[in-house]
């Protein structure tokens, strides 16, 4: 998408929920998961922390990429 923010992996790591929103990336897309019930504790299913790139983890997840289309998830940029 044109006009989207571009994140480096270092920038993504800053969005860990400590003092602001929680972002994760998957397949080059950065998502805000701050409002998602499974991320409210700052740890998703006792496995994943916000601020991470999760492409390698999605293959072992009990859900598909469809999870990123849920109403609580918001696309915020691209990971480079």
C-alpha atoms as a PDB file:
ATOM      1  CA  UNK A   1       0.000   0.000   0.000  1.00  0.00           C
ATOM      2  CA  UNK A   2       1.308   3.396  -0.918  1.00  0.00           C
ATOM      3  CA  UNK A   3       1.992   5.806   1.921  1.00  0.00           C
ATOM      4  CA  UNK A   4       2.418   3.104   4.522  1.00  0.00           C
ATOM      5  CA  UNK A   5       5.106   3.383   7.138  1.00  0.00           C
ATOM      6  CA  UNK A   6       8.200   1.285   6.536  1.00  0.00           C
ATOM      7  CA  UNK A   7       9.622  -0.446   9.637  1.00  0.00           C
ATOM      8  CA  UNK A   8      13.047  -1.958  10.158  1.00  0.00           C
ATOM      9  CA  UNK A   9      13.279  -4.968  12.465  1.00  0.00           C
ATOM     10  CA  UNK A  10      14.841  -2.688  15.089  1.00  0.00           C
ATOM     11  CA  UNK A  11      11.909  -0.289  14.889  1.00  0.00           C
ATOM     12  CA  UNK A  12       9.419  -3.159  15.111  1.00  0.00           C
ATOM     13  CA  UNK A  13      11.036  -4.380  18.358  1.00  0.00           C
ATOM     14  CA  UNK A  14      10.184  -1.033  19.992  1.00  0.00           C
ATOM     15  CA  UNK A  15       6.461  -1.812  19.672  1.00  0.00           C
ATOM     16  CA  UNK A  16       6.431  -4.377  22.452  1.00  0.00           C
ATOM     17  CA  UNK A  17       3.545  -2.908  24.443  1.00  0.00           C
ATOM     18  CA  UNK A  18       5.700  -1.624  27.315  1.00  0.00           C
ATOM     19  CA  UNK A  19       4.891   2.037  26.736  1.00  0.00           C
ATOM     20  CA  UNK A  20       2.741   1.973  23.635  1.00  0.00           C
ATOM     21  CA  UNK A  21       1.057  -0.267  21.092  1.00  0.00           C
ATOM     22  CA  UNK A  22       1.912  -3.883  20.313  1.00  0.00           C
ATOM     23  CA  UNK A  23       2.949  -4.609  16.742  1.00  0.00           C
ATOM     24  CA  UNK A  24       3.905  -7.866  15.058  1.00  0.00           C
ATOM     25  CA  UNK A  25       4.951  -8.592  11.501  1.00  0.00           C
ATOM     26  CA  UNK A  26       4.171 -11.495   9.237  1.00  0.00           C
ATOM     27  CA  UNK A  27       5.192 -11.935   5.604  1.00  0.00           C
ATOM     28  CA  UNK A  28       6.461  -8.375   5.379  1.00  0.00           C
ATOM     29  CA  UNK A  29       3.348  -6.703   6.793  1.00  0.00           C
ATOM     30  CA  UNK A  30       3.282  -4.980  10.196  1.00  0.00           C
ATOM     31  CA  UNK A  31       0.086  -5.245  12.250  1.00  0.00           C
ATOM     32  CA  UNK A  32      -1.147  -3.547  15.412  1.00  0.00           C
ATOM     33  CA  UNK A  33      -2.504  -6.278  17.707  1.00  0.00           C
ATOM     34  CA  UNK A  34      -2.972  -4.066  20.781  1.00  0.00           C
ATOM     35  CA  UNK A  35      -6.748  -4.548  20.869  1.00  0.00           C
ATOM     36  CA  UNK A  36      -6.712  -8.319  20.371  1.00  0.00           C
ATOM     37  CA  UNK A  37      -7.821 -10.409  23.353  1.00  0.00           C
ATOM     38  CA  UNK A  38      -5.077 -13.009  22.830  1.00  0.00           C
ATOM     39  CA  UNK A  39      -2.398 -10.299  23.050  1.00  0.00           C
ATOM     40  CA  UNK A  40      -3.736  -8.327  26.046  1.00  0.00           C
ATOM     41  CA  UNK A  41      -1.204  -9.800  28.453  1.00  0.00           C
ATOM     42  CA  UNK A  42       1.657  -8.913  26.113  1.00  0.00           C
ATOM     43  CA  UNK A  43       2.335 -12.583  25.425  1.00  0.00           C
ATOM     44  CA  UNK A  44       0.364 -14.518  22.839  1.00  0.00           C
ATOM     45  CA  UNK A  45      -0.431 -18.078  23.920  1.00  0.00           C
ATOM     46  CA  UNK A  46       2.677 -18.098  26.141  1.00  0.00           C
ATOM     47  CA  UNK A  47       4.806 -18.267  22.983  1.00  0.00           C
ATOM     48  CA  UNK A  48       5.042 -14.965  21.153  1.00  0.00           C
ATOM     49  CA  UNK A  49       6.013 -11.500  22.274  1.00  0.00           C
ATOM     50  CA  UNK A  50       4.931  -8.330  20.480  1.00  0.00           C
ATOM     51  CA  UNK A  51       7.606  -6.537  18.487  1.00  0.00           C
ATOM     52  CA  UNK A  52       8.542  -9.712  16.622  1.00  0.00           C
ATOM     53  CA  UNK A  53       8.456 -10.961  13.051  1.00  0.00           C
ATOM     54  CA  UNK A  54       6.309 -14.117  13.136  1.00  0.00           C
ATOM     55  CA  UNK A  55       6.441 -15.479   9.567  1.00  0.00           C
ATOM     56  CA  UNK A  56       8.295 -18.625  10.603  1.00  0.00           C
ATOM     57  CA  UNK A  57       5.847 -19.231  13.453  1.00  0.00           C
ATOM     58  CA  UNK A  58       2.590 -19.053  11.485  1.00  0.00           C
ATOM     59  CA  UNK A  59       3.095 -22.538   9.989  1.00  0.00           C
ATOM     60  CA  UNK A  60       2.833 -24.043  13.486  1.00  0.00           C
ATOM     61  CA  UNK A  61      -0.099 -21.892  14.587  1.00  0.00           C
ATOM     62  CA  UNK A  62      -3.594 -23.336  15.032  1.00  0.00           C
ATOM     63  CA  UNK A  63      -4.870 -20.592  12.708  1.00  0.00           C
ATOM     64  CA  UNK A  64      -4.008 -19.328   9.222  1.00  0.00           C
ATOM     65  CA  UNK A  65      -3.060 -15.871   7.980  1.00  0.00           C
ATOM     66  CA  UNK A  66      -6.787 -15.110   8.176  1.00  0.00           C
ATOM     67  CA  UNK A  67      -6.135 -14.138  11.797  1.00  0.00           C
ATOM     68  CA  UNK A  68      -4.653 -10.863  10.509  1.00  0.00           C
ATOM     69  CA  UNK A  69      -8.012  -9.934   8.975  1.00  0.00           C
ATOM     70  CA  UNK A  70      -9.877  -9.945  12.284  1.00  0.00           C
ATOM     71  CA  UNK A  71     -11.462  -6.666  13.434  1.00  0.00           C
ATOM     72  CA  UNK A  72      -9.018  -6.273  16.336  1.00  0.00           C
ATOM     73  CA  UNK A  73      -5.995  -6.330  14.000  1.00  0.00           C
ATOM     74  CA  UNK A  74      -4.941  -3.245  12.075  1.00  0.00           C
ATOM     75  CA  UNK A  75      -2.372  -3.114   9.293  1.00  0.00           C
ATOM     76  CA  UNK A  76       0.096  -0.303  10.027  1.00  0.00           C
ATOM     77  CA  UNK A  77       2.957  -0.739   7.576  1.00  0.00           C
ATOM     78  CA  UNK A  78       5.588  -2.872   5.928  1.00  0.00           C
ATOM     79  CA  UNK A  79       8.716  -4.522   7.273  1.00  0.00           C
ATOM     80  CA  UNK A  80      11.950  -4.028   5.310  1.00  0.00           C
END
